[in-house]
PDB file of all heavy atoms in Angstrom:
ATOM      1  N   TRP A   1       1.345  -0.728   2.896  1.00  0.00           N
ATOM      2  CA  TRP A   1       0.482   0.117   3.708  1.00  0.00           C
ATOM      3  C   TRP A   1      -0.735  -0.676   4.147  1.00  0.00           C
ATOM      4  O   TRP A   1      -1.374  -1.351   3.330  1.00  0.00           O
ATOM      5  CB  TRP A   1       0.005   1.346   2.932  1.00  0.00           C
ATOM      6  CG  TRP A   1       1.061   2.377   2.701  1.00  0.00           C
ATOM      7  CD1 TRP A   1       1.754   2.601   1.563  1.00  0.00           C
ATOM      8  CD2 TRP A   1       1.521   3.347   3.648  1.00  0.00           C
ATOM      9  NE1 TRP A   1       2.631   3.644   1.725  1.00  0.00           N
ATOM     10  CE2 TRP A   1       2.505   4.123   2.999  1.00  0.00           C
ATOM     11  CE3 TRP A   1       1.197   3.637   4.982  1.00  0.00           C
ATOM     12  CZ2 TRP A   1       3.178   5.167   3.639  1.00  0.00           C
ATOM     13  CZ3 TRP A   1       1.866   4.673   5.615  1.00  0.00           C
ATOM     14  CH2 TRP A   1       2.845   5.422   4.940  1.00  0.00           C
ATOM     15  N   TYR A   2      -1.033  -0.602   5.419  1.00  0.00           N
ATOM     16  CA  TYR A   2      -2.254  -1.132   5.987  1.00  0.00           C
ATOM     17  C   TYR A   2      -3.036   0.016   6.606  1.00  0.00           C
ATOM     18  O   TYR A   2      -2.489   1.095   6.856  1.00  0.00           O
ATOM     19  CB  TYR A   2      -1.962  -2.178   7.061  1.00  0.00           C
ATOM     20  CG  TYR A   2      -1.433  -3.492   6.545  1.00  0.00           C
ATOM     21  CD1 TYR A   2      -0.116  -3.631   6.111  1.00  0.00           C
ATOM     22  CD2 TYR A   2      -2.248  -4.623   6.514  1.00  0.00           C
ATOM     23  CE1 TYR A   2       0.371  -4.839   5.656  1.00  0.00           C
ATOM     24  CE2 TYR A   2      -1.766  -5.839   6.061  1.00  0.00           C
ATOM     25  CZ  TYR A   2      -0.450  -5.938   5.633  1.00  0.00           C
ATOM     26  OH  TYR A   2       0.028  -7.152   5.187  1.00  0.00           O
ATOM     27  N   ARG A   3      -4.299  -0.231   6.863  1.00  0.00           N
ATOM     28  CA  ARG A   3      -5.082   0.757   7.586  1.00  0.00           C
ATOM     29  C   ARG A   3      -6.068   0.056   8.505  1.00  0.00           C
ATOM     30  O   ARG A   3      -6.458  -1.080   8.267  1.00  0.00           O
ATOM     31  CB  ARG A   3      -5.823   1.703   6.638  1.00  0.00           C
ATOM     32  CG  ARG A   3      -6.922   1.057   5.820  1.00  0.00           C
ATOM     33  CD  ARG A   3      -7.490   2.060   4.828  1.00  0.00           C
ATOM     34  NE  ARG A   3      -8.568   1.492   4.039  1.00  0.00           N
ATOM     35  CZ  ARG A   3      -9.149   2.098   3.014  1.00  0.00           C
ATOM     36  NH1 ARG A   3      -8.741   3.331   2.658  1.00  0.00           N
ATOM     37  NH2 ARG A   3     -10.129   1.513   2.354  1.00  0.00           N
ATOM     38  N   GLN A   4      -6.443   0.760   9.547  1.00  0.00           N
ATOM     39  CA  GLN A   4      -7.406   0.225  10.494  1.00  0.00           C
ATOM     40  C   GLN A   4      -8.366   1.334  10.905  1.00  0.00           C
ATOM     41  O   GLN A   4      -7.955   2.337  11.487  1.00  0.00           O
ATOM     42  CB  GLN A   4      -6.717  -0.360  11.722  1.00  0.00           C
ATOM     43  CG  GLN A   4      -7.660  -1.091  12.663  1.00  0.00           C
ATOM     44  CD  GLN A   4      -6.919  -1.952  13.670  1.00  0.00           C
ATOM     45  OE1 GLN A   4      -5.760  -1.683  13.989  1.00  0.00           O
ATOM     46  NE2 GLN A   4      -7.577  -2.986  14.164  1.00  0.00           N
ATOM     47  N   ALA A   5      -9.622   1.140  10.574  1.00  0.00           N
ATOM     48  CA  ALA A   5     -10.667   2.071  10.949  1.00  0.00           C
ATOM     49  C   ALA A   5     -11.263   1.637  12.286  1.00  0.00           C
ATOM     50  O   ALA A   5     -11.172   0.463  12.659  1.00  0.00           O
ATOM     51  CB  ALA A   5     -11.745   2.123   9.871  1.00  0.00           C
ATOM     52  N   PRO A   6     -11.885   2.561  13.012  1.00  0.00           N
ATOM     53  CA  PRO A   6     -12.499   2.198  14.294  1.00  0.00           C
ATOM     54  C   PRO A   6     -13.489   1.054  14.140  1.00  0.00           C
ATOM     55  O   PRO A   6     -14.347   1.079  13.264  1.00  0.00           O
ATOM     56  CB  PRO A   6     -13.203   3.489  14.719  1.00  0.00           C
ATOM     57  CG  PRO A   6     -12.428   4.574  14.049  1.00  0.00           C
ATOM     58  CD  PRO A   6     -12.020   3.990  12.722  1.00  0.00           C
ATOM     59  N   GLY A   7     -13.350   0.050  14.998  1.00  0.00           N
ATOM     60  CA  GLY A   7     -14.254  -1.077  14.976  1.00  0.00           C
ATOM     61  C   GLY A   7     -14.020  -2.078  13.872  1.00  0.00           C
ATOM     62  O   GLY A   7     -14.802  -3.023  13.734  1.00  0.00           O
ATOM     63  N   LYS A   8     -12.975  -1.898  13.088  1.00  0.00           N
ATOM     64  CA  LYS A   8     -12.687  -2.798  11.984  1.00  0.00           C
ATOM     65  C   LYS A   8     -11.295  -3.399  12.125  1.00  0.00           C
ATOM     66  O   LYS A   8     -10.439  -2.875  12.835  1.00  0.00           O
ATOM     67  CB  LYS A   8     -12.795  -2.072  10.642  1.00  0.00           C
ATOM     68  CG  LYS A   8     -14.163  -1.496  10.351  1.00  0.00           C
ATOM     69  CD  LYS A   8     -14.215  -0.830   8.993  1.00  0.00           C
ATOM     70  CE  LYS A   8     -14.057  -1.845   7.873  1.00  0.00           C
ATOM     71  NZ  LYS A   8     -14.202  -1.207   6.527  1.00  0.00           N
ATOM     72  N   GLN A   9     -11.092  -4.511  11.444  1.00  0.00           N
ATOM     73  CA  GLN A   9      -9.785  -5.140  11.439  1.00  0.00           C
ATOM     74  C   GLN A   9      -8.827  -4.386  10.531  1.00  0.00           C
ATOM     75  O   GLN A   9      -9.238  -3.706   9.593  1.00  0.00           O
ATOM     76  CB  GLN A   9      -9.891  -6.595  10.990  1.00  0.00           C
ATOM     77  CG  GLN A   9     -10.594  -7.515  11.966  1.00  0.00           C
ATOM     78  CD  GLN A   9     -10.464  -8.968  11.570  1.00  0.00           C
ATOM     79  OE1 GLN A   9     -10.407  -9.296  10.391  1.00  0.00           O
ATOM     80  NE2 GLN A   9     -10.407  -9.844  12.563  1.00  0.00           N
ATOM     81  N   ARG A  10      -7.564  -4.527  10.831  1.00  0.00           N
ATOM     82  CA  ARG A  10      -6.553  -3.941   9.974  1.00  0.00           C
ATOM     83  C   ARG A  10      -6.579  -4.623   8.607  1.00  0.00           C
ATOM     84  O   ARG A  10      -6.686  -5.852   8.515  1.00  0.00           O
ATOM     85  CB  ARG A  10      -5.176  -4.092  10.627  1.00  0.00           C
ATOM     86  CG  ARG A  10      -4.077  -3.309   9.956  1.00  0.00           C
ATOM     87  CD  ARG A  10      -2.792  -3.327  10.793  1.00  0.00           C
ATOM     88  NE  ARG A  10      -2.992  -2.731  12.111  1.00  0.00           N
ATOM     89  CZ  ARG A  10      -2.026  -2.532  12.984  1.00  0.00           C
ATOM     90  NH1 ARG A  10      -0.772  -2.873  12.691  1.00  0.00           N
ATOM     91  NH2 ARG A  10      -2.303  -1.990  14.164  1.00  0.00           N
ATOM     92  N   GLU A  11      -6.489  -3.818   7.553  1.00  0.00           N
ATOM     93  CA  GLU A  11      -6.567  -4.349   6.210  1.00  0.00           C
ATOM     94  C   GLU A  11      -5.416  -3.845   5.357  1.00  0.00           C
ATOM     95  O   GLU A  11      -4.905  -2.740   5.555  1.00  0.00           O
ATOM     96  CB  GLU A  11      -7.900  -3.975   5.552  1.00  0.00           C
ATOM     97  CG  GLU A  11      -8.087  -2.479   5.344  1.00  0.00           C
ATOM     98  CD  GLU A  11      -9.369  -2.135   4.606  1.00  0.00           C
ATOM     99  OE1 GLU A  11     -10.030  -3.051   4.086  1.00  0.00           O
ATOM    100  OE2 GLU A  11      -9.707  -0.934   4.555  1.00  0.00           O
ATOM    101  N   LEU A  12      -5.036  -4.658   4.404  1.00  0.00           N
ATOM    102  CA  LEU A  12      -3.995  -4.284   3.461  1.00  0.00           C
ATOM    103  C   LEU A  12      -4.534  -3.257   2.478  1.00  0.00           C
ATOM    104  O   LEU A  12      -5.594  -3.443   1.889  1.00  0.00           O
ATOM    105  CB  LEU A  12      -3.496  -5.513   2.711  1.00  0.00           C
ATOM    106  CG  LEU A  12      -2.440  -5.272   1.637  1.00  0.00           C
ATOM    107  CD1 LEU A  12      -1.134  -4.796   2.257  1.00  0.00           C
ATOM    108  CD2 LEU A  12      -2.213  -6.547   0.830  1.00  0.00           C
ATOM    109  N   VAL A  13      -3.792  -2.182   2.289  1.00  0.00           N
ATOM    110  CA  VAL A  13      -4.153  -1.138   1.343  1.00  0.00           C
ATOM    111  C   VAL A  13      -3.366  -1.277   0.051  1.00  0.00           C
ATOM    112  O   VAL A  13      -3.928  -1.261  -1.046  1.00  0.00           O
ATOM    113  CB  VAL A  13      -3.926   0.259   1.945  1.00  0.00           C
ATOM    114  CG1 VAL A  13      -4.215   1.352   0.917  1.00  0.00           C
ATOM    115  CG2 VAL A  13      -4.789   0.452   3.190  1.00  0.00           C
ATOM    116  N   ALA A  14      -2.066  -1.389   0.174  1.00  0.00           N
ATOM    117  CA  ALA A  14      -1.197  -1.492  -0.988  1.00  0.00           C
ATOM    118  C   ALA A  14       0.092  -2.173  -0.579  1.00  0.00           C
ATOM    119  O   ALA A  14       0.563  -2.012   0.539  1.00  0.00           O
ATOM    120  CB  ALA A  14      -0.897  -0.116  -1.581  1.00  0.00           C
ATOM    121  N   ARG A  15       0.652  -2.907  -1.512  1.00  0.00           N
ATOM    122  CA  ARG A  15       1.877  -3.648  -1.253  1.00  0.00           C
ATOM    123  C   ARG A  15       2.820  -3.450  -2.414  1.00  0.00           C
ATOM    124  O   ARG A  15       2.403  -3.520  -3.573  1.00  0.00           O
ATOM    125  CB  ARG A  15       1.557  -5.135  -1.059  1.00  0.00           C
ATOM    126  CG  ARG A  15       2.748  -6.035  -0.758  1.00  0.00           C
ATOM    127  CD  ARG A  15       2.273  -7.467  -0.529  1.00  0.00           C
ATOM    128  NE  ARG A  15       3.360  -8.363  -0.163  1.00  0.00           N
ATOM    129  CZ  ARG A  15       4.082  -9.048  -1.035  1.00  0.00           C
ATOM    130  NH1 ARG A  15       3.829  -8.942  -2.336  1.00  0.00           N
ATOM    131  NH2 ARG A  15       5.058  -9.839  -0.622  1.00  0.00           N
ATOM    132  N   ILE A  16       4.092  -3.223  -2.107  1.00  0.00           N
ATOM    133  CA  ILE A  16       5.074  -2.997  -3.163  1.00  0.00           C
ATOM    134  C   ILE A  16       6.347  -3.771  -2.871  1.00  0.00           C
ATOM    135  O   ILE A  16       7.185  -3.349  -2.068  1.00  0.00           O
ATOM    136  CB  ILE A  16       5.340  -1.484  -3.373  1.00  0.00           C
ATOM    137  CG1 ILE A  16       6.364  -1.275  -4.489  1.00  0.00           C
ATOM    138  CG2 ILE A  16       5.748  -0.788  -2.087  1.00  0.00           C
ATOM    139  CD1 ILE A  16       6.446   0.174  -4.958  1.00  0.00           C
ATOM    140  N   PRO A  17       6.511  -4.923  -3.501  1.00  0.00           N
ATOM    141  CA  PRO A  17       7.802  -5.610  -3.401  1.00  0.00           C
ATOM    142  C   PRO A  17       8.889  -4.733  -4.017  1.00  0.00           C
ATOM    143  O   PRO A  17       8.674  -4.137  -5.075  1.00  0.00           O
ATOM    144  CB  PRO A  17       7.593  -6.884  -4.225  1.00  0.00           C
ATOM    145  CG  PRO A  17       6.105  -7.045  -4.320  1.00  0.00           C
ATOM    146  CD  PRO A  17       5.564  -5.651  -4.348  1.00  0.00           C
ATOM    147  N   ILE A  18      10.010  -4.633  -3.343  1.00  0.00           N
ATOM    148  CA  ILE A  18      11.085  -3.791  -3.864  1.00  0.00           C
ATOM    149  C   ILE A  18      11.608  -4.408  -5.152  1.00  0.00           C
ATOM    150  O   ILE A  18      12.088  -5.548  -5.158  1.00  0.00           O
ATOM    151  CB  ILE A  18      12.207  -3.615  -2.838  1.00  0.00           C
ATOM    152  CG1 ILE A  18      11.634  -3.087  -1.513  1.00  0.00           C
ATOM    153  CG2 ILE A  18      13.282  -2.684  -3.385  1.00  0.00           C
ATOM    154  CD1 ILE A  18      10.797  -1.838  -1.658  1.00  0.00           C
ATOM    155  N   GLY A  19      11.483  -3.674  -6.221  1.00  0.00           N
ATOM    156  CA  GLY A  19      11.847  -4.172  -7.534  1.00  0.00           C
ATOM    157  C   GLY A  19      10.750  -4.950  -8.220  1.00  0.00           C
ATOM    158  O   GLY A  19      10.958  -5.468  -9.325  1.00  0.00           O
ATOM    159  N   GLY A  20       9.584  -5.039  -7.581  1.00  0.00           N
ATOM    160  CA  GLY A  20       8.469  -5.772  -8.131  1.00  0.00           C
ATOM    161  C   GLY A  20       7.289  -4.881  -8.459  1.00  0.00           C
ATOM    162  O   GLY A  20       7.395  -3.657  -8.480  1.00  0.00           O
ATOM    163  N   THR A  21       6.161  -5.511  -8.699  1.00  0.00           N
ATOM    164  CA  THR A  21       4.952  -4.793  -9.080  1.00  0.00           C
ATOM    165  C   THR A  21       4.032  -4.620  -7.887  1.00  0.00           C
ATOM    166  O   THR A  21       4.002  -5.440  -6.971  1.00  0.00           O
ATOM    167  CB  THR A  21       4.213  -5.524 -10.206  1.00  0.00           C
ATOM    168  OG1 THR A  21       3.895  -6.851  -9.784  1.00  0.00           O
ATOM    169  CG2 THR A  21       5.068  -5.592 -11.450  1.00  0.00           C
ATOM    170  N   THR A  22       3.270  -3.556  -7.919  1.00  0.00           N
ATOM    171  CA  THR A  22       2.405  -3.211  -6.809  1.00  0.00           C
ATOM    172  C   THR A  22       1.065  -3.916  -6.883  1.00  0.00           C
ATOM    173  O   THR A  22       0.599  -4.304  -7.960  1.00  0.00           O
ATOM    174  CB  THR A  22       2.167  -1.705  -6.757  1.00  0.00           C
ATOM    175  OG1 THR A  22       1.534  -1.286  -7.977  1.00  0.00           O
ATOM    176  CG2 THR A  22       3.483  -0.964  -6.603  1.00  0.00           C
ATOM    177  N   THR A  23       0.458  -4.079  -5.734  1.00  0.00           N
ATOM    178  CA  THR A  23      -0.908  -4.561  -5.637  1.00  0.00           C
ATOM    179  C   THR A  23      -1.687  -3.615  -4.732  1.00  0.00           C
ATOM    180  O   THR A  23      -1.123  -2.990  -3.839  1.00  0.00           O
ATOM    181  CB  THR A  23      -0.990  -5.991  -5.089  1.00  0.00           C
ATOM    182  OG1 THR A  23      -0.389  -6.049  -3.786  1.00  0.00           O
ATOM    183  CG2 THR A  23      -0.272  -6.964  -6.015  1.00  0.00           C
ATOM    184  N   TYR A  24      -2.995  -3.539  -4.973  1.00  0.00           N
ATOM    185  CA  TYR A  24      -3.852  -2.640  -4.223  1.00  0.00           C
ATOM    186  C   TYR A  24      -5.123  -3.345  -3.795  1.00  0.00           C
ATOM    187  O   TYR A  24      -5.610  -4.252  -4.478  1.00  0.00           O
ATOM    188  CB  TYR A  24      -4.256  -1.430  -5.064  1.00  0.00           C
ATOM    189  CG  TYR A  24      -3.107  -0.552  -5.481  1.00  0.00           C
ATOM    190  CD1 TYR A  24      -2.447  -0.763  -6.686  1.00  0.00           C
ATOM    191  CD2 TYR A  24      -2.689   0.496  -4.672  1.00  0.00           C
ATOM    192  CE1 TYR A  24      -1.391   0.040  -7.068  1.00  0.00           C
ATOM    193  CE2 TYR A  24      -1.633   1.308  -5.041  1.00  0.00           C
ATOM    194  CZ  TYR A  24      -0.990   1.077  -6.243  1.00  0.00           C
ATOM    195  OH  TYR A  24       0.054   1.881  -6.620  1.00  0.00           O
ATOM    196  N   ALA A  25      -5.658  -2.902  -2.679  1.00  0.00           N
ATOM    197  CA  ALA A  25      -6.991  -3.330  -2.305  1.00  0.00           C
ATOM    198  C   ALA A  25      -7.989  -2.798  -3.327  1.00  0.00           C
ATOM    199  O   ALA A  25      -7.812  -1.706  -3.878  1.00  0.00           O
ATOM    200  CB  ALA A  25      -7.346  -2.816  -0.911  1.00  0.00           C
ATOM    201  N   ASP A  26      -9.027  -3.575  -3.581  1.00  0.00           N
ATOM    202  CA  ASP A  26     -10.024  -3.150  -4.557  1.00  0.00           C
ATOM    203  C   ASP A  26     -10.622  -1.785  -4.210  1.00  0.00           C
ATOM    204  O   ASP A  26     -10.954  -0.997  -5.099  1.00  0.00           O
ATOM    205  CB  ASP A  26     -11.147  -4.187  -4.655  1.00  0.00           C
ATOM    206  CG  ASP A  26     -10.709  -5.460  -5.350  1.00  0.00           C
ATOM    207  OD1 ASP A  26      -9.678  -5.446  -6.050  1.00  0.00           O
ATOM    208  OD2 ASP A  26     -11.404  -6.483  -5.191  1.00  0.00           O
ATOM    209  N   SER A  27     -10.742  -1.504  -2.937  1.00  0.00           N
ATOM    210  CA  SER A  27     -11.378  -0.275  -2.497  1.00  0.00           C
ATOM    211  C   SER A  27     -10.578   0.983  -2.825  1.00  0.00           C
ATOM    212  O   SER A  27     -11.132   2.083  -2.796  1.00  0.00           O
ATOM    213  CB  SER A  27     -11.647  -0.325  -0.989  1.00  0.00           C
ATOM    214  OG  SER A  27     -10.440  -0.510  -0.272  1.00  0.00           O
ATOM    215  N   VAL A  28      -9.287   0.830  -3.137  1.00  0.00           N
ATOM    216  CA  VAL A  28      -8.454   1.999  -3.403  1.00  0.00           C
ATOM    217  C   VAL A  28      -7.891   2.020  -4.814  1.00  0.00           C
ATOM    218  O   VAL A  28      -7.230   2.997  -5.191  1.00  0.00           O
ATOM    219  CB  VAL A  28      -7.300   2.118  -2.390  1.00  0.00           C
ATOM    220  CG1 VAL A  28      -7.829   2.066  -0.964  1.00  0.00           C
ATOM    221  CG2 VAL A  28      -6.252   1.032  -2.613  1.00  0.00           C
ATOM    222  N   LYS A  29      -8.140   0.993  -5.592  1.00  0.00           N
ATOM    223  CA  LYS A  29      -7.624   0.945  -6.957  1.00  0.00           C
ATOM    224  C   LYS A  29      -8.097   2.149  -7.763  1.00  0.00           C
ATOM    225  O   LYS A  29      -9.268   2.512  -7.729  1.00  0.00           O
ATOM    226  CB  LYS A  29      -8.053  -0.348  -7.648  1.00  0.00           C
ATOM    227  CG  LYS A  29      -7.309  -1.581  -7.190  1.00  0.00           C
ATOM    228  CD  LYS A  29      -7.787  -2.825  -7.935  1.00  0.00           C
ATOM    229  CE  LYS A  29      -7.028  -4.056  -7.483  1.00  0.00           C
ATOM    230  NZ  LYS A  29      -7.530  -5.286  -8.143  1.00  0.00           N
ATOM    231  N   GLY A  30      -7.166   2.744  -8.466  1.00  0.00           N
ATOM    232  CA  GLY A  30      -7.482   3.913  -9.269  1.00  0.00           C
ATOM    233  C   GLY A  30      -7.419   5.216  -8.517  1.00  0.00           C
ATOM    234  O   GLY A  30      -7.460   6.284  -9.138  1.00  0.00           O
ATOM    235  N   ARG A  31      -7.330   5.156  -7.197  1.00  0.00           N
ATOM    236  CA  ARG A  31      -7.276   6.365  -6.371  1.00  0.00           C
ATOM    237  C   ARG A  31      -5.952   6.523  -5.638  1.00  0.00           C
ATOM    238  O   ARG A  31      -5.481   7.646  -5.440  1.00  0.00           O
ATOM    239  CB  ARG A  31      -8.419   6.382  -5.357  1.00  0.00           C
ATOM    240  CG  ARG A  31      -9.806   6.344  -5.982  1.00  0.00           C
ATOM    241  CD  ARG A  31     -10.892   6.552  -4.927  1.00  0.00           C
ATOM    242  NE  ARG A  31     -10.890   5.487  -3.923  1.00  0.00           N
ATOM    243  CZ  ARG A  31     -10.706   5.687  -2.619  1.00  0.00           C
ATOM    244  NH1 ARG A  31     -10.507   6.912  -2.154  1.00  0.00           N
ATOM    245  NH2 ARG A  31     -10.741   4.653  -1.779  1.00  0.00           N
ATOM    246  N   PHE A  32      -5.378   5.408  -5.194  1.00  0.00           N
ATOM    247  CA  PHE A  32      -4.133   5.440  -4.429  1.00  0.00           C
ATOM    248  C   PHE A  32      -2.989   4.920  -5.279  1.00  0.00           C
ATOM    249  O   PHE A  32      -3.167   4.016  -6.103  1.00  0.00           O
ATOM    250  CB  PHE A  32      -4.233   4.566  -3.180  1.00  0.00           C
ATOM    251  CG  PHE A  32      -5.166   5.062  -2.113  1.00  0.00           C
ATOM    252  CD1 PHE A  32      -6.019   6.130  -2.324  1.00  0.00           C
ATOM    253  CD2 PHE A  32      -5.182   4.436  -0.882  1.00  0.00           C
ATOM    254  CE1 PHE A  32      -6.878   6.581  -1.328  1.00  0.00           C
ATOM    255  CE2 PHE A  32      -6.034   4.866   0.125  1.00  0.00           C
ATOM    256  CZ  PHE A  32      -6.878   5.937  -0.101  1.00  0.00           C
ATOM    257  N   THR A  33      -1.810   5.460  -5.047  1.00  0.00           N
ATOM    258  CA  THR A  33      -0.607   5.010  -5.727  1.00  0.00           C
ATOM    259  C   THR A  33       0.512   4.858  -4.711  1.00  0.00           C
ATOM    260  O   THR A  33       0.818   5.797  -3.976  1.00  0.00           O
ATOM    261  CB  THR A  33      -0.168   5.988  -6.826  1.00  0.00           C
ATOM    262  OG1 THR A  33      -1.222   6.159  -7.779  1.00  0.00           O
ATOM    263  CG2 THR A  33       1.067   5.450  -7.549  1.00  0.00           C
ATOM    264  N   VAL A  34       1.114   3.678  -4.668  1.00  0.00           N
ATOM    265  CA  VAL A  34       2.227   3.431  -3.769  1.00  0.00           C
ATOM    266  C   VAL A  34       3.525   3.448  -4.574  1.00  0.00           C
ATOM    267  O   VAL A  34       3.560   3.008  -5.726  1.00  0.00           O
ATOM    268  CB  VAL A  34       2.054   2.092  -3.014  1.00  0.00           C
ATOM    269  CG1 VAL A  34       2.117   0.901  -3.961  1.00  0.00           C
ATOM    270  CG2 VAL A  34       3.085   1.956  -1.906  1.00  0.00           C
ATOM    271  N   SER A  35       4.564   3.977  -3.977  1.00  0.00           N
ATOM    272  CA  SER A  35       5.858   4.041  -4.629  1.00  0.00           C
ATOM    273  C   SER A  35       6.940   3.991  -3.571  1.00  0.00           C
ATOM    274  O   SER A  35       6.671   4.151  -2.375  1.00  0.00           O
ATOM    275  CB  SER A  35       5.988   5.305  -5.481  1.00  0.00           C
ATOM    276  OG  SER A  35       5.884   6.467  -4.679  1.00  0.00           O
ATOM    277  N   THR A  36       8.170   3.760  -4.001  1.00  0.00           N
ATOM    278  CA  THR A  36       9.303   3.752  -3.086  1.00  0.00           C
ATOM    279  C   THR A  36      10.457   4.549  -3.653  1.00  0.00           C
ATOM    280  O   THR A  36      10.613   4.682  -4.868  1.00  0.00           O
ATOM    281  CB  THR A  36       9.809   2.331  -2.786  1.00  0.00           C
ATOM    282  OG1 THR A  36      10.179   1.681  -4.003  1.00  0.00           O
ATOM    283  CG2 THR A  36       8.755   1.519  -2.062  1.00  0.00           C
ATOM    284  N   ASP A  37      11.238   5.100  -2.757  1.00  0.00           N
ATOM    285  CA  ASP A  37      12.535   5.663  -3.069  1.00  0.00           C
ATOM    286  C   ASP A  37      13.522   4.756  -2.355  1.00  0.00           C
ATOM    287  O   ASP A  37      13.765   4.899  -1.158  1.00  0.00           O
ATOM    288  CB  ASP A  37      12.650   7.103  -2.586  1.00  0.00           C
ATOM    289  CG  ASP A  37      13.969   7.745  -2.960  1.00  0.00           C
ATOM    290  OD1 ASP A  37      14.965   7.022  -3.173  1.00  0.00           O
ATOM    291  OD2 ASP A  37      14.022   8.987  -3.033  1.00  0.00           O
ATOM    292  N   ASN A  38      14.066   3.807  -3.090  1.00  0.00           N
ATOM    293  CA  ASN A  38      14.866   2.765  -2.462  1.00  0.00           C
ATOM    294  C   ASN A  38      16.149   3.300  -1.827  1.00  0.00           C
ATOM    295  O   ASN A  38      16.609   2.767  -0.820  1.00  0.00           O
ATOM    296  CB  ASN A  38      15.198   1.675  -3.478  1.00  0.00           C
ATOM    297  CG  ASN A  38      13.960   0.956  -3.973  1.00  0.00           C
ATOM    298  OD1 ASN A  38      12.927   0.937  -3.297  1.00  0.00           O
ATOM    299  ND2 ASN A  38      14.055   0.348  -5.150  1.00  0.00           N
ATOM    300  N   ALA A  39      16.713   4.340  -2.414  1.00  0.00           N
ATOM    301  CA  ALA A  39      17.924   4.921  -1.851  1.00  0.00           C
ATOM    302  C   ALA A  39      17.676   5.527  -0.479  1.00  0.00           C
ATOM    303  O   ALA A  39      18.587   5.625   0.340  1.00  0.00           O
ATOM    304  CB  ALA A  39      18.499   5.966  -2.796  1.00  0.00           C
ATOM    305  N   LYS A  40      16.431   5.941  -0.227  1.00  0.00           N
ATOM    306  CA  LYS A  40      16.068   6.553   1.045  1.00  0.00           C
ATOM    307  C   LYS A  40      15.303   5.610   1.962  1.00  0.00           C
ATOM    308  O   LYS A  40      14.899   6.016   3.049  1.00  0.00           O
ATOM    309  CB  LYS A  40      15.232   7.804   0.805  1.00  0.00           C
ATOM    310  CG  LYS A  40      15.945   8.895   0.034  1.00  0.00           C
ATOM    311  CD  LYS A  40      15.044  10.100  -0.169  1.00  0.00           C
ATOM    312  CE  LYS A  40      15.760  11.202  -0.929  1.00  0.00           C
ATOM    313  NZ  LYS A  40      14.886  12.384  -1.152  1.00  0.00           N
ATOM    314  N   ASN A  41      15.102   4.367   1.514  1.00  0.00           N
ATOM    315  CA  ASN A  41      14.299   3.407   2.272  1.00  0.00           C
ATOM    316  C   ASN A  41      12.951   4.004   2.659  1.00  0.00           C
ATOM    317  O   ASN A  41      12.479   3.839   3.785  1.00  0.00           O
ATOM    318  CB  ASN A  41      15.040   2.927   3.518  1.00  0.00           C
ATOM    319  CG  ASN A  41      16.118   1.914   3.210  1.00  0.00           C
ATOM    320  OD1 ASN A  41      16.154   1.335   2.125  1.00  0.00           O
ATOM    321  ND2 ASN A  41      17.008   1.686   4.167  1.00  0.00           N
ATOM    322  N   THR A  42      12.348   4.670   1.708  1.00  0.00           N
ATOM    323  CA  THR A  42      11.103   5.373   1.959  1.00  0.00           C
ATOM    324  C   THR A  42      10.015   4.899   1.007  1.00  0.00           C
ATOM    325  O   THR A  42      10.262   4.707  -0.183  1.00  0.00           O
ATOM    326  CB  THR A  42      11.285   6.891   1.820  1.00  0.00           C
ATOM    327  OG1 THR A  42      12.229   7.337   2.802  1.00  0.00           O
ATOM    328  CG2 THR A  42       9.970   7.624   2.035  1.00  0.00           C
ATOM    329  N   MET A  43       8.828   4.722   1.550  1.00  0.00           N
ATOM    330  CA  MET A  43       7.650   4.354   0.783  1.00  0.00           C
ATOM    331  C   MET A  43       6.633   5.483   0.900  1.00  0.00           C
ATOM    332  O   MET A  43       6.489   6.102   1.958  1.00  0.00           O
ATOM    333  CB  MET A  43       7.057   3.049   1.313  1.00  0.00           C
ATOM    334  CG  MET A  43       5.736   2.648   0.678  1.00  0.00           C
ATOM    335  SD  MET A  43       5.079   1.087   1.344  1.00  0.00           S
ATOM    336  CE  MET A  43       4.797   1.532   3.064  1.00  0.00           C
TER     337      MET A  43
END
């Protein structure tokens, strides 16, 4: 997941390698959770 606010560059929010461990931007740690349903190709 990336996000882009008005007047700002697009930034990485969270990344989840399939079968791997997630990483988060410092600004969202503890508040956001990324997950996948691999059978549905959905994040």
